[in-house]
PDB file of N, CA and C in Angstrom:
ATOM      1  N   MET A   1     138.908  66.449 191.819  1.00  0.00           N
ATOM      2  CA  MET A   1     138.924  67.618 190.980  1.00  0.00           C
ATOM      3  C   MET A   1     139.412  67.317 189.579  1.00  0.00           C
ATOM      4  N   ASN A   2     140.173  66.301 189.424  1.00  0.00           N
ATOM      5  CA  ASN A   2     140.701  65.954 188.119  1.00  0.00           C
ATOM      6  C   ASN A   2     139.624  65.444 187.176  1.00  0.00           C
ATOM      7  N   ARG A   3     138.644  64.746 187.714  1.00  0.00           N
ATOM      8  CA  ARG A   3     137.588  64.180 186.862  1.00  0.00           C
ATOM      9  C   ARG A   3     136.782  65.255 186.131  1.00  0.00           C
ATOM     10  N   PRO A   4     136.294  66.296 186.781  1.00  0.00           N
ATOM     11  CA  PRO A   4     135.550  67.322 186.041  1.00  0.00           C
ATOM     12  C   PRO A   4     136.394  67.974 184.951  1.00  0.00           C
ATOM     13  N   THR A   5     137.666  68.175 185.205  1.00  0.00           N
ATOM     14  CA  THR A   5     138.539  68.775 184.203  1.00  0.00           C
ATOM     15  C   THR A   5     138.727  67.823 183.027  1.00  0.00           C
ATOM     16  N   ALA A   6     138.884  66.547 183.318  1.00  0.00           N
ATOM     17  CA  ALA A   6     139.048  65.549 182.258  1.00  0.00           C
ATOM     18  C   ALA A   6     137.778  65.447 181.425  1.00  0.00           C
ATOM     19  N   ARG A   7     136.641  65.464 182.088  1.00  0.00           N
ATOM     20  CA  ARG A   7     135.357  65.400 181.365  1.00  0.00           C
ATOM     21  C   ARG A   7     135.181  66.621 180.467  1.00  0.00           C
ATOM     22  N   ALA A   8     135.490  67.773 181.003  1.00  0.00           N
ATOM     23  CA  ALA A   8     135.357  69.002 180.214  1.00  0.00           C
ATOM     24  C   ALA A   8     136.298  68.966 179.017  1.00  0.00           C
ATOM     25  N   GLY A   9     137.514  68.479 179.238  1.00  0.00           N
ATOM     26  CA  GLY A   9     138.474  68.378 178.137  1.00  0.00           C
ATOM     27  C   GLY A   9     137.999  67.403 177.074  1.00  0.00           C
ATOM     28  N   ALA A  10     137.463  66.261 177.504  1.00  0.00           N
ATOM     29  CA  ALA A  10     136.951  65.264 176.555  1.00  0.00           C
ATOM     30  C   ALA A  10     135.765  65.834 175.782  1.00  0.00           C
ATOM     31  N   PHE A  11     134.887  66.537 176.484  1.00  0.00           N
ATOM     32  CA  PHE A  11     133.719  67.139 175.829  1.00  0.00           C
ATOM     33  C   PHE A  11     134.163  68.148 174.771  1.00  0.00           C
ATOM     34  N   LEU A  12     135.121  68.981 175.115  1.00  0.00           N
ATOM     35  CA  LEU A  12     135.612  69.980 174.165  1.00  0.00           C
ATOM     36  C   LEU A  12     136.296  69.327 172.969  1.00  0.00           C
ATOM     37  N   ALA A  13     137.013  68.239 173.202  1.00  0.00           N
ATOM     38  CA  ALA A  13     137.679  67.537 172.101  1.00  0.00           C
ATOM     39  C   ALA A  13     136.650  66.947 171.138  1.00  0.00           C
ATOM     40  N   VAL A  14     135.617  66.302 171.685  1.00  0.00           N
ATOM     41  CA  VAL A  14     134.565  65.718 170.839  1.00  0.00           C
ATOM     42  C   VAL A  14     133.824  66.818 170.091  1.00  0.00           C
ATOM     43  N   ALA A  15     133.499  67.898 170.788  1.00  0.00           N
ATOM     44  CA  ALA A  15     132.793  69.007 170.142  1.00  0.00           C
ATOM     45  C   ALA A  15     133.644  69.608 169.029  1.00  0.00           C
ATOM     46  N   GLY A  16     134.946  69.731 169.264  1.00  0.00           N
ATOM     47  CA  GLY A  16     135.838  70.271 168.241  1.00  0.00           C
ATOM     48  C   GLY A  16     135.885  69.406 167.000  1.00  0.00           C
ATOM     49  N   VAL A  17     135.927  68.084 167.192  1.00  0.00           N
ATOM     50  CA  VAL A  17     135.941  67.164 166.051  1.00  0.00           C
ATOM     51  C   VAL A  17     134.632  67.259 165.278  1.00  0.00           C
ATOM     52  N   LEU A  18     133.521  67.271 166.004  1.00  0.00           N
ATOM     53  CA  LEU A  18     132.216  67.345 165.338  1.00  0.00           C
ATOM     54  C   LEU A  18     132.042  68.658 164.587  1.00  0.00           C
ATOM     55  N   LEU A  19     132.390  69.741 165.225  1.00  0.00           N
ATOM     56  CA  LEU A  19     132.236  71.041 164.572  1.00  0.00           C
ATOM     57  C   LEU A  19     133.247  71.235 163.452  1.00  0.00           C
ATOM     58  N   GLY A  20     134.416  70.653 163.586  1.00  0.00           N
ATOM     59  CA  GLY A  20     135.424  70.742 162.534  1.00  0.00           C
ATOM     60  C   GLY A  20     134.951  70.101 161.245  1.00  0.00           C
ATOM     61  N   GLY A  21     134.146  69.079 161.354  1.00  0.00           N
ATOM     62  CA  GLY A  21     133.601  68.413 160.174  1.00  0.00           C
ATOM     63  C   GLY A  21     132.535  69.232 159.477  1.00  0.00           C
ATOM     64  N   CYS A  22     132.054  70.284 160.123  1.00  0.00           N
ATOM     65  CA  CYS A  22     130.995  71.113 159.542  1.00  0.00           C
ATOM     66  C   CYS A  22     131.550  72.267 158.719  1.00  0.00           C
ATOM     67  N   ARG A  23     132.839  72.358 158.582  1.00  0.00           N
ATOM     68  CA  ARG A  23     133.415  73.482 157.843  1.00  0.00           C
ATOM     69  C   ARG A  23     133.013  73.490 156.384  1.00  0.00           C
ATOM     70  N   LYS A  24     133.083  72.344 155.773  1.00  0.00           N
ATOM     71  CA  LYS A  24     132.757  72.281 154.350  1.00  0.00           C
ATOM     72  C   LYS A  24     131.258  72.150 154.177  1.00  0.00           C
ATOM     73  N   GLU A  25     130.761  72.879 153.213  1.00  0.00           N
ATOM     74  CA  GLU A  25     129.333  72.818 152.923  1.00  0.00           C
ATOM     75  C   GLU A  25     129.053  71.593 152.069  1.00  0.00           C
ATOM     76  N   ALA A  26     127.982  70.922 152.377  1.00  0.00           N
ATOM     77  CA  ALA A  26     127.602  69.754 151.589  1.00  0.00           C
ATOM     78  C   ALA A  26     127.286  70.199 150.173  1.00  0.00           C
ATOM     79  N   PRO A  27     127.619  69.376 149.181  1.00  0.00           N
ATOM     80  CA  PRO A  27     127.288  69.757 147.803  1.00  0.00           C
ATOM     81  C   PRO A  27     125.784  69.926 147.659  1.00  0.00           C
ATOM     82  N   ARG A  28     125.415  70.980 146.974  1.00  0.00           N
ATOM     83  CA  ARG A  28     123.991  71.258 146.792  1.00  0.00           C
ATOM     84  C   ARG A  28     123.445  70.470 145.626  1.00  0.00           C
ATOM     85  N   LYS A  29     122.237  69.986 145.833  1.00  0.00           N
ATOM     86  CA  LYS A  29     121.550  69.286 144.754  1.00  0.00           C
ATOM     87  C   LYS A  29     120.916  70.325 143.846  1.00  0.00           C
ATOM     88  N   ALA A  30     120.852  70.014 142.589  1.00  0.00           N
ATOM     89  CA  ALA A  30     120.191  70.921 141.650  1.00  0.00           C
ATOM     90  C   ALA A  30     118.724  70.996 142.022  1.00  0.00           C
ATOM     91  N   GLU A  31     118.205  72.214 142.083  1.00  0.00           N
ATOM     92  CA  GLU A  31     116.796  72.383 142.413  1.00  0.00           C
ATOM     93  C   GLU A  31     115.931  71.903 141.278  1.00  0.00           C
ATOM     94  N   THR A  32     114.883  71.198 141.639  1.00  0.00           N
ATOM     95  CA  THR A  32     113.944  70.800 140.602  1.00  0.00           C
ATOM     96  C   THR A  32     113.052  71.983 140.304  1.00  0.00           C
ATOM     97  N   PRO A  33     112.704  72.182 139.055  1.00  0.00           N
ATOM     98  CA  PRO A  33     111.838  73.308 138.725  1.00  0.00           C
ATOM     99  C   PRO A  33     110.507  73.193 139.451  1.00  0.00           C
ATOM    100  N   ARG A  34     109.911  74.348 139.763  1.00  0.00           N
ATOM    101  CA  ARG A  34     108.631  74.359 140.472  1.00  0.00           C
ATOM    102  C   ARG A  34     107.526  73.685 139.677  1.00  0.00           C
ATOM    103  N   THR A  35     107.612  73.775 138.392  1.00  0.00           N
ATOM    104  CA  THR A  35     106.567  73.192 137.555  1.00  0.00           C
ATOM    105  C   THR A  35     107.199  72.202 136.602  1.00  0.00           C
ATOM    106  N   ALA A  36     107.399  71.004 137.097  1.00  0.00           N
ATOM    107  CA  ALA A  36     108.040  69.985 136.271  1.00  0.00           C
ATOM    108  C   ALA A  36     107.203  69.644 135.052  1.00  0.00           C
ATOM    109  N   GLN A  37     105.883  69.847 135.138  1.00  0.00           N
ATOM    110  CA  GLN A  37     105.050  69.499 133.998  1.00  0.00           C
ATOM    111  C   GLN A  37     105.080  70.563 132.908  1.00  0.00           C
ATOM    112  N   THR A  38     105.719  71.715 133.170  1.00  0.00           N
ATOM    113  CA  THR A  38     105.798  72.766 132.168  1.00  0.00           C
ATOM    114  C   THR A  38     106.986  72.489 131.262  1.00  0.00           C
ATOM    115  N   PRO A  39     106.753  72.095 130.014  1.00  0.00           N
ATOM    116  CA  PRO A  39     107.867  71.801 129.121  1.00  0.00           C
ATOM    117  C   PRO A  39     108.598  73.075 128.727  1.00  0.00           C
ATOM    118  N   HIS A  40     109.875  72.921 128.381  1.00  0.00           N
ATOM    119  CA  HIS A  40     110.673  74.086 127.997  1.00  0.00           C
ATOM    120  C   HIS A  40     110.411  74.497 126.553  1.00  0.00           C
ATOM    121  N   ALA A  41     109.970  73.590 125.737  1.00  0.00           N
ATOM    122  CA  ALA A  41     109.659  73.916 124.348  1.00  0.00           C
ATOM    123  C   ALA A  41     108.332  74.667 124.301  1.00  0.00           C
ATOM    124  N   ALA A  42     108.018  75.167 123.128  1.00  0.00           N
ATOM    125  CA  ALA A  42     106.751  75.884 122.962  1.00  0.00           C
ATOM    126  C   ALA A  42     105.599  74.976 123.373  1.00  0.00           C
ATOM    127  N   GLN A  43     104.663  75.539 124.105  1.00  0.00           N
ATOM    128  CA  GLN A  43     103.549  74.759 124.614  1.00  0.00           C
ATOM    129  C   GLN A  43     102.346  74.873 123.699  1.00  0.00           C
ATOM    130  N   THR A  44     101.605  73.791 123.629  1.00  0.00           N
ATOM    131  CA  THR A  44     100.314  73.873 122.966  1.00  0.00           C
ATOM    132  C   THR A  44      99.357  74.527 123.951  1.00  0.00           C
ATOM    133  N   LEU A  45      98.219  74.972 123.466  1.00  0.00           N
ATOM    134  CA  LEU A  45      97.236  75.587 124.351  1.00  0.00           C
ATOM    135  C   LEU A  45      96.814  74.597 125.430  1.00  0.00           C
ATOM    136  N   ARG A  46      96.632  73.348 125.050  1.00  0.00           N
ATOM    137  CA  ARG A  46      96.208  72.329 126.019  1.00  0.00           C
ATOM    138  C   ARG A  46      97.251  72.165 127.132  1.00  0.00           C
ATOM    139  N   GLU A  47      98.518  72.100 126.754  1.00  0.00           N
ATOM    140  CA  GLU A  47      99.584  71.966 127.747  1.00  0.00           C
ATOM    141  C   GLU A  47      99.658  73.202 128.642  1.00  0.00           C
ATOM    142  N   GLN A  48      99.477  74.364 128.027  1.00  0.00           N
ATOM    143  CA  GLN A  48      99.523  75.605 128.791  1.00  0.00           C
ATOM    144  C   GLN A  48      98.360  75.668 129.783  1.00  0.00           C
ATOM    145  N   LEU A  49      97.184  75.217 129.348  1.00  0.00           N
ATOM    146  CA  LEU A  49      96.027  75.214 130.241  1.00  0.00           C
ATOM    147  C   LEU A  49      96.217  74.234 131.394  1.00  0.00           C
ATOM    148  N   GLN A  50      96.795  73.075 131.110  1.00  0.00           N
ATOM    149  CA  GLN A  50      97.044  72.099 132.177  1.00  0.00           C
ATOM    150  C   GLN A  50      98.035  72.657 133.201  1.00  0.00           C
ATOM    151  N   ALA A  51      99.106  73.247 132.706  1.00  0.00           N
ATOM    152  CA  ALA A  51     100.088  73.852 133.611  1.00  0.00           C
ATOM    153  C   ALA A  51      99.452  75.012 134.375  1.00  0.00           C
ATOM    154  N   GLY A  52      98.682  75.839 133.668  1.00  0.00           N
ATOM    155  CA  GLY A  52      98.024  76.979 134.302  1.00  0.00           C
ATOM    156  C   GLY A  52      97.049  76.560 135.379  1.00  0.00           C
ATOM    157  N   GLU A  53      96.317  75.479 135.130  1.00  0.00           N
ATOM    158  CA  GLU A  53      95.362  74.989 136.133  1.00  0.00           C
ATOM    159  C   GLU A  53      96.086  74.543 137.400  1.00  0.00           C
ATOM    160  N   ALA A  54      97.156  73.768 137.237  1.00  0.00           N
ATOM    161  CA  ALA A  54      97.910  73.297 138.405  1.00  0.00           C
ATOM    162  C   ALA A  54      98.491  74.470 139.192  1.00  0.00           C
ATOM    163  N   LEU A  55      99.042  75.440 138.484  1.00  0.00           N
ATOM    164  CA  LEU A  55      99.621  76.612 139.140  1.00  0.00           C
ATOM    165  C   LEU A  55      98.542  77.473 139.790  1.00  0.00           C
ATOM    166  N   PHE A  56      97.399  77.613 139.120  1.00  0.00           N
ATOM    167  CA  PHE A  56      96.287  78.377 139.686  1.00  0.00           C
ATOM    168  C   PHE A  56      95.847  77.753 141.004  1.00  0.00           C
ATOM    169  N   LYS A  57      95.707  76.432 141.015  1.00  0.00           N
ATOM    170  CA  LYS A  57      95.293  75.744 142.246  1.00  0.00           C
ATOM    171  C   LYS A  57      96.307  75.955 143.362  1.00  0.00           C
ATOM    172  N   GLN A  58      97.575  75.988 143.007  1.00  0.00           N
ATOM    173  CA  GLN A  58      98.631  76.151 143.999  1.00  0.00           C
ATOM    174  C   GLN A  58      98.696  77.576 144.544  1.00  0.00           C
ATOM    175  N   TYR A  59      98.655  78.563 143.666  1.00  0.00           N
ATOM    176  CA  TYR A  59      98.908  79.938 144.081  1.00  0.00           C
ATOM    177  C   TYR A  59      97.659  80.814 144.210  1.00  0.00           C
ATOM    178  N   CYS A  60      96.639  80.565 143.409  1.00  0.00           N
ATOM    179  CA  CYS A  60      95.537  81.523 143.294  1.00  0.00           C
ATOM    180  C   CYS A  60      94.228  81.063 143.935  1.00  0.00           C
ATOM    181  N   ALA A  61      93.955  79.769 143.868  1.00  0.00           N
ATOM    182  CA  ALA A  61      92.658  79.252 144.311  1.00  0.00           C
ATOM    183  C   ALA A  61      92.307  79.574 145.764  1.00  0.00           C
ATOM    184  N   PRO A  62      93.265  79.657 146.680  1.00  0.00           N
ATOM    185  CA  PRO A  62      92.865  79.996 148.048  1.00  0.00           C
ATOM    186  C   PRO A  62      92.111  81.328 148.148  1.00  0.00           C
ATOM    187  N   CYS A  63      92.475  82.301 147.347  1.00  0.00           N
ATOM    188  CA  CYS A  63      91.791  83.604 147.375  1.00  0.00           C
ATOM    189  C   CYS A  63      90.775  83.762 146.250  1.00  0.00           C
ATOM    190  N   HIS A  64      90.914  82.942 145.200  1.00  0.00           N
ATOM    191  CA  HIS A  64      90.026  83.034 144.041  1.00  0.00           C
ATOM    192  C   HIS A  64      89.368  81.682 143.744  1.00  0.00           C
ATOM    193  N   PRO A  65      88.664  81.098 144.730  1.00  0.00           N
ATOM    194  CA  PRO A  65      88.036  79.798 144.460  1.00  0.00           C
ATOM    195  C   PRO A  65      86.985  79.929 143.361  1.00  0.00           C
ATOM    196  N   ASP A  66      87.034  79.038 142.411  1.00  0.00           N
ATOM    197  CA  ASP A  66      86.089  79.037 141.283  1.00  0.00           C
ATOM    198  C   ASP A  66      86.013  80.391 140.581  1.00  0.00           C
ATOM    199  N   GLY A  67      87.121  81.116 140.561  1.00  0.00           N
ATOM    200  CA  GLY A  67      87.156  82.403 139.876  1.00  0.00           C
ATOM    201  C   GLY A  67      86.589  83.553 140.679  1.00  0.00           C
ATOM    202  N   GLY A  68      86.227  83.306 141.913  1.00  0.00           N
ATOM    203  CA  GLY A  68      85.683  84.364 142.763  1.00  0.00           C
ATOM    204  C   GLY A  68      86.797  85.199 143.377  1.00  0.00           C
ATOM    205  N   ASN A  69      86.475  85.872 144.466  1.00  0.00           N
ATOM    206  CA  ASN A  69      87.467  86.659 145.186  1.00  0.00           C
ATOM    207  C   ASN A  69      86.990  86.769 146.627  1.00  0.00           C
ATOM    208  N   VAL A  70      87.719  86.153 147.545  1.00  0.00           N
ATOM    209  CA  VAL A  70      87.271  86.119 148.934  1.00  0.00           C
ATOM    210  C   VAL A  70      87.450  87.451 149.653  1.00  0.00           C
ATOM    211  N   THR A  71      88.309  88.329 149.155  1.00  0.00           N
ATOM    212  CA  THR A  71      88.533  89.598 149.845  1.00  0.00           C
ATOM    213  C   THR A  71      87.820  90.783 149.202  1.00  0.00           C
ATOM    214  N   ASP A  72      87.507  90.684 147.917  1.00  0.00           N
ATOM    215  CA  ASP A  72      86.859  91.799 147.218  1.00  0.00           C
ATOM    216  C   ASP A  72      85.954  91.248 146.120  1.00  0.00           C
ATOM    217  N   PRO A  73      84.674  91.056 146.413  1.00  0.00           N
ATOM    218  CA  PRO A  73      83.751  90.458 145.442  1.00  0.00           C
ATOM    219  C   PRO A  73      83.637  91.231 144.128  1.00  0.00           C
ATOM    220  N   ARG A  74      84.082  92.480 144.100  1.00  0.00           N
ATOM    221  CA  ARG A  74      84.030  93.259 142.856  1.00  0.00           C
ATOM    222  C   ARG A  74      85.168  92.904 141.919  1.00  0.00           C
ATOM    223  N   ARG A  75      86.138  92.165 142.392  1.00  0.00           N
ATOM    224  CA  ARG A  75      87.321  91.832 141.589  1.00  0.00           C
ATOM    225  C   ARG A  75      87.437  90.323 141.383  1.00  0.00           C
ATOM    226  N   THR A  76      86.393  89.730 140.834  1.00  0.00           N
ATOM    227  CA  THR A  76      86.450  88.305 140.524  1.00  0.00           C
ATOM    228  C   THR A  76      87.232  88.104 139.230  1.00  0.00           C
ATOM    229  N   LEU A  77      87.424  86.853 138.871  1.00  0.00           N
ATOM    230  CA  LEU A  77      88.149  86.526 137.644  1.00  0.00           C
ATOM    231  C   LEU A  77      87.208  86.191 136.495  1.00  0.00           C
ATOM    232  N   ARG A  78      85.957  86.486 136.642  1.00  0.00           N
ATOM    233  CA  ARG A  78      84.975  86.261 135.572  1.00  0.00           C
ATOM    234  C   ARG A  78      85.209  87.277 134.461  1.00  0.00           C
ATOM    235  N   GLY A  79      84.979  86.851 133.234  1.00  0.00           N
ATOM    236  CA  GLY A  79      85.247  87.679 132.063  1.00  0.00           C
ATOM    237  C   GLY A  79      84.650  89.072 132.126  1.00  0.00           C
ATOM    238  N   SER A  80      83.386  89.180 132.537  1.00  0.00           N
ATOM    239  CA  SER A  80      82.739  90.494 132.581  1.00  0.00           C
ATOM    240  C   SER A  80      83.395  91.407 133.620  1.00  0.00           C
ATOM    241  N   ARG A  81      83.792  90.843 134.756  1.00  0.00           N
ATOM    242  CA  ARG A  81      84.443  91.650 135.794  1.00  0.00           C
ATOM    243  C   ARG A  81      85.861  92.038 135.375  1.00  0.00           C
ATOM    244  N   LEU A  82      86.545  91.117 134.687  1.00  0.00           N
ATOM    245  CA  LEU A  82      87.885  91.452 134.206  1.00  0.00           C
ATOM    246  C   LEU A  82      87.810  92.624 133.236  1.00  0.00           C
ATOM    247  N   LYS A  83      86.855  92.550 132.292  1.00  0.00           N
ATOM    248  CA  LYS A  83      86.707  93.646 131.323  1.00  0.00           C
ATOM    249  C   LYS A  83      86.348  94.949 132.020  1.00  0.00           C
ATOM    250  N   ALA A  84      85.468  94.877 133.010  1.00  0.00           N
ATOM    251  CA  ALA A  84      85.074  96.079 133.745  1.00  0.00           C
ATOM    252  C   ALA A  84      86.267  96.707 134.466  1.00  0.00           C
ATOM    253  N   ASN A  85      87.243  95.889 134.816  1.00  0.00           N
ATOM    254  CA  ASN A  85      88.449  96.382 135.489  1.00  0.00           C
ATOM    255  C   ASN A  85      89.614  96.578 134.518  1.00  0.00           C
ATOM    256  N   HIS A  86      89.291  96.628 133.207  1.00  0.00           N
ATOM    257  CA  HIS A  86      90.277  96.882 132.143  1.00  0.00           C
ATOM    258  C   HIS A  86      91.374  95.817 132.075  1.00  0.00           C
ATOM    259  N   ILE A  87      90.980  94.576 132.311  1.00  0.00           N
ATOM    260  CA  ILE A  87      91.899  93.438 132.209  1.00  0.00           C
ATOM    261  C   ILE A  87      91.413  92.615 131.030  1.00  0.00           C
ATOM    262  N   THR A  88      92.093  92.756 129.898  1.00  0.00           N
ATOM    263  CA  THR A  88      91.613  92.128 128.667  1.00  0.00           C
ATOM    264  C   THR A  88      92.621  91.177 128.021  1.00  0.00           C
ATOM    265  N   ARG A  89      93.840  91.129 128.544  1.00  0.00           N
ATOM    266  CA  ARG A  89      94.881  90.276 127.959  1.00  0.00           C
ATOM    267  C   ARG A  89      95.628  89.543 129.072  1.00  0.00           C
ATOM    268  N   PRO A  90      96.241  88.404 128.750  1.00  0.00           N
ATOM    269  CA  PRO A  90      97.033  87.710 129.772  1.00  0.00           C
ATOM    270  C   PRO A  90      98.106  88.610 130.394  1.00  0.00           C
ATOM    271  N   GLU A  91      98.685  89.491 129.600  1.00  0.00           N
ATOM    272  CA  GLU A  91      99.715  90.393 130.119  1.00  0.00           C
ATOM    273  C   GLU A  91      99.178  91.277 131.244  1.00  0.00           C
ATOM    274  N   ASP A  92      97.890  91.620 131.165  1.00  0.00           N
ATOM    275  CA  ASP A  92      97.285  92.440 132.219  1.00  0.00           C
ATOM    276  C   ASP A  92      97.262  91.687 133.548  1.00  0.00           C
ATOM    277  N   ILE A  93      96.947  90.397 133.487  1.00  0.00           N
ATOM    278  CA  ILE A  93      96.923  89.597 134.714  1.00  0.00           C
ATOM    279  C   ILE A  93      98.336  89.453 135.274  1.00  0.00           C
ATOM    280  N   VAL A  94      99.305  89.196 134.403  1.00  0.00           N
ATOM    281  CA  VAL A  94     100.691  89.070 134.862  1.00  0.00           C
ATOM    282  C   VAL A  94     101.146  90.378 135.509  1.00  0.00           C
ATOM    283  N   ARG A  95     100.797  91.496 134.906  1.00  0.00           N
ATOM    284  CA  ARG A  95     101.161  92.809 135.465  1.00  0.00           C
ATOM    285  C   ARG A  95     100.580  92.972 136.871  1.00  0.00           C
ATOM    286  N   ILE A  96      99.329  92.552 137.055  1.00  0.00           N
ATOM    287  CA  ILE A  96      98.691  92.672 138.370  1.00  0.00           C
ATOM    288  C   ILE A  96      99.325  91.700 139.366  1.00  0.00           C
ATOM    289  N   MET A  97      99.720  90.514 138.895  1.00  0.00           N
ATOM    290  CA  MET A  97     100.407  89.577 139.789  1.00  0.00           C
ATOM    291  C   MET A  97     101.713  90.188 140.299  1.00  0.00           C
ATOM    292  N   ARG A  98     102.394  90.926 139.436  1.00  0.00           N
ATOM    293  CA  ARG A  98     103.679  91.533 139.801  1.00  0.00           C
ATOM    294  C   ARG A  98     103.503  92.792 140.655  1.00  0.00           C
ATOM    295  N   ASN A  99     102.467  93.567 140.371  1.00  0.00           N
ATOM    296  CA  ASN A  99     102.191  94.818 141.092  1.00  0.00           C
ATOM    297  C   ASN A  99     100.709  94.868 141.427  1.00  0.00           C
ATOM    298  N   PRO A 100     100.299  94.132 142.444  1.00  0.00           N
ATOM    299  CA  PRO A 100      98.869  94.005 142.729  1.00  0.00           C
ATOM    300  C   PRO A 100      98.227  95.293 143.235  1.00  0.00           C
ATOM    301  N   ILE A 101      96.933  95.317 143.006  1.00  0.00           N
ATOM    302  CA  ILE A 101      96.121  96.392 143.554  1.00  0.00           C
ATOM    303  C   ILE A 101      95.215  95.753 144.597  1.00  0.00           C
ATOM    304  N   SER A 102      94.576  96.544 145.373  1.00  0.00           N
ATOM    305  CA  SER A 102      93.681  96.044 146.400  1.00  0.00           C
ATOM    306  C   SER A 102      94.481  95.245 147.428  1.00  0.00           C
ATOM    307  N   ARG A 103      93.943  94.131 147.894  1.00  0.00           N
ATOM    308  CA  ARG A 103      94.573  93.363 148.972  1.00  0.00           C
ATOM    309  C   ARG A 103      95.342  92.144 148.490  1.00  0.00           C
ATOM    310  N   MET A 104      95.514  92.014 147.199  1.00  0.00           N
ATOM    311  CA  MET A 104      96.189  90.842 146.648  1.00  0.00           C
ATOM    312  C   MET A 104      97.674  90.842 147.025  1.00  0.00           C
ATOM    313  N   ILE A 105      98.193  89.639 147.307  1.00  0.00           N
ATOM    314  CA  ILE A 105      99.617  89.544 147.597  1.00  0.00           C
ATOM    315  C   ILE A 105     100.411  89.598 146.297  1.00  0.00           C
ATOM    316  N   ARG A 106     101.666  89.989 146.403  1.00  0.00           N
ATOM    317  CA  ARG A 106     102.534  90.155 145.229  1.00  0.00           C
ATOM    318  C   ARG A 106     103.235  88.836 144.912  1.00  0.00           C
ATOM    319  N   PHE A 107     103.258  88.485 143.623  1.00  0.00           N
ATOM    320  CA  PHE A 107     103.982  87.310 143.145  1.00  0.00           C
ATOM    321  C   PHE A 107     105.077  87.798 142.204  1.00  0.00           C
ATOM    322  N   ASP A 108     106.312  87.854 142.704  1.00  0.00           N
ATOM    323  CA  ASP A 108     107.401  88.316 141.847  1.00  0.00           C
ATOM    324  C   ASP A 108     107.871  87.185 140.932  1.00  0.00           C
ATOM    325  N   GLU A 109     108.801  87.510 140.040  1.00  0.00           N
ATOM    326  CA  GLU A 109     109.257  86.541 139.046  1.00  0.00           C
ATOM    327  C   GLU A 109     110.025  85.384 139.681  1.00  0.00           C
ATOM    328  N   THR A 110     110.580  85.611 140.845  1.00  0.00           N
ATOM    329  CA  THR A 110     111.260  84.527 141.545  1.00  0.00           C
ATOM    330  C   THR A 110     110.251  83.502 142.050  1.00  0.00           C
ATOM    331  N   THR A 111     109.120  83.970 142.520  1.00  0.00           N
ATOM    332  CA  THR A 111     108.082  83.079 143.032  1.00  0.00           C
ATOM    333  C   THR A 111     107.361  82.373 141.899  1.00  0.00           C
ATOM    334  N   ILE A 112     106.919  83.135 140.916  1.00  0.00           N
ATOM    335  CA  ILE A 112     106.230  82.578 139.746  1.00  0.00           C
ATOM    336  C   ILE A 112     106.895  83.160 138.503  1.00  0.00           C
ATOM    337  N   PRO A 113     107.712  82.371 137.806  1.00  0.00           N
ATOM    338  CA  PRO A 113     108.366  82.867 136.588  1.00  0.00           C
ATOM    339  C   PRO A 113     107.341  83.331 135.547  1.00  0.00           C
ATOM    340  N   ASP A 114     107.773  84.204 134.644  1.00  0.00           N
ATOM    341  CA  ASP A 114     106.869  84.761 133.631  1.00  0.00           C
ATOM    342  C   ASP A 114     106.125  83.687 132.848  1.00  0.00           C
ATOM    343  N   ARG A 115     106.813  82.612 132.478  1.00  0.00           N
ATOM    344  CA  ARG A 115     106.177  81.530 131.708  1.00  0.00           C
ATOM    345  C   ARG A 115     104.993  80.944 132.494  1.00  0.00           C
ATOM    346  N   ASP A 116     105.195  80.733 133.801  1.00  0.00           N
ATOM    347  CA  ASP A 116     104.141  80.171 134.635  1.00  0.00           C
ATOM    348  C   ASP A 116     103.029  81.190 134.886  1.00  0.00           C
ATOM    349  N   ALA A 117     103.407  82.450 135.081  1.00  0.00           N
ATOM    350  CA  ALA A 117     102.401  83.495 135.287  1.00  0.00           C
ATOM    351  C   ALA A 117     101.515  83.627 134.051  1.00  0.00           C
ATOM    352  N   THR A 118     102.118  83.531 132.875  1.00  0.00           N
ATOM    353  CA  THR A 118     101.344  83.589 131.632  1.00  0.00           C
ATOM    354  C   THR A 118     100.425  82.383 131.515  1.00  0.00           C
ATOM    355  N   ALA A 119     100.901  81.205 131.911  1.00  0.00           N
ATOM    356  CA  ALA A 119     100.052  80.007 131.877  1.00  0.00           C
ATOM    357  C   ALA A 119      98.853  80.177 132.801  1.00  0.00           C
ATOM    358  N   ILE A 120      99.056  80.765 133.965  1.00  0.00           N
ATOM    359  CA  ILE A 120      97.946  81.036 134.885  1.00  0.00           C
ATOM    360  C   ILE A 120      96.962  81.995 134.232  1.00  0.00           C
ATOM    361  N   ALA A 121      97.472  83.056 133.628  1.00  0.00           N
ATOM    362  CA  ALA A 121      96.607  84.062 132.999  1.00  0.00           C
ATOM    363  C   ALA A 121      95.786  83.465 131.865  1.00  0.00           C
ATOM    364  N   VAL A 122      96.410  82.649 131.025  1.00  0.00           N
ATOM    365  CA  VAL A 122      95.683  82.001 129.925  1.00  0.00           C
ATOM    366  C   VAL A 122      94.607  81.084 130.496  1.00  0.00           C
ATOM    367  N   TYR A 123      94.941  80.344 131.540  1.00  0.00           N
ATOM    368  CA  TYR A 123      93.958  79.467 132.190  1.00  0.00           C
ATOM    369  C   TYR A 123      92.766  80.284 132.700  1.00  0.00           C
ATOM    370  N   ILE A 124      93.032  81.418 133.318  1.00  0.00           N
ATOM    371  CA  ILE A 124      91.948  82.267 133.840  1.00  0.00           C
ATOM    372  C   ILE A 124      91.040  82.727 132.709  1.00  0.00           C
ATOM    373  N   PHE A 125      91.617  83.232 131.624  1.00  0.00           N
ATOM    374  CA  PHE A 125      90.801  83.719 130.509  1.00  0.00           C
ATOM    375  C   PHE A 125      89.996  82.605 129.857  1.00  0.00           C
ATOM    376  N   GLU A 126      90.560  81.420 129.761  1.00  0.00           N
ATOM    377  CA  GLU A 126      89.865  80.308 129.111  1.00  0.00           C
ATOM    378  C   GLU A 126      88.839  79.639 130.021  1.00  0.00           C
ATOM    379  N   THR A 127      89.042  79.701 131.314  1.00  0.00           N
ATOM    380  CA  THR A 127      88.186  78.973 132.250  1.00  0.00           C
ATOM    381  C   THR A 127      87.035  79.807 132.793  1.00  0.00           C
ATOM    382  N   PHE A 128      87.296  81.042 133.138  1.00  0.00           N
ATOM    383  CA  PHE A 128      86.293  81.870 133.806  1.00  0.00           C
ATOM    384  C   PHE A 128      85.717  82.911 132.859  1.00  0.00           C
ATOM    385  N   LYS A 129      85.245  82.466 131.704  1.00  0.00           N
ATOM    386  CA  LYS A 129      84.719  83.373 130.672  1.00  0.00           C
ATOM    387  C   LYS A 129      83.456  84.068 131.107  1.00  0.00           C
TER     388      LYS A 129
END
């Protein structure tokens, strides 16, 4: 009978030591920005388009391949359709990203910061004319 008690005591002692070491949280590493290629200084149009393209491929292309729309063919990203839906400025696209209509998912500022959302919008206007 002594052996099971000794084993249980040893197990509890080891578990206590292991769990005791978990009290302190490991130092957190600084998060790398989602878009490392997006410079913090003012961007040229070319830089903005490059960043916008990468972000578009990451966040938008699954539902908007080649500027289309897999869920609602009336809401493509082509210039004529954007105008027909009263989307004429990059700010309009950012507004829709934040408060979508139809079946589009919402992209808040935490998910896509304003700078990146604007880069996506500029890319859309320049690419899908």
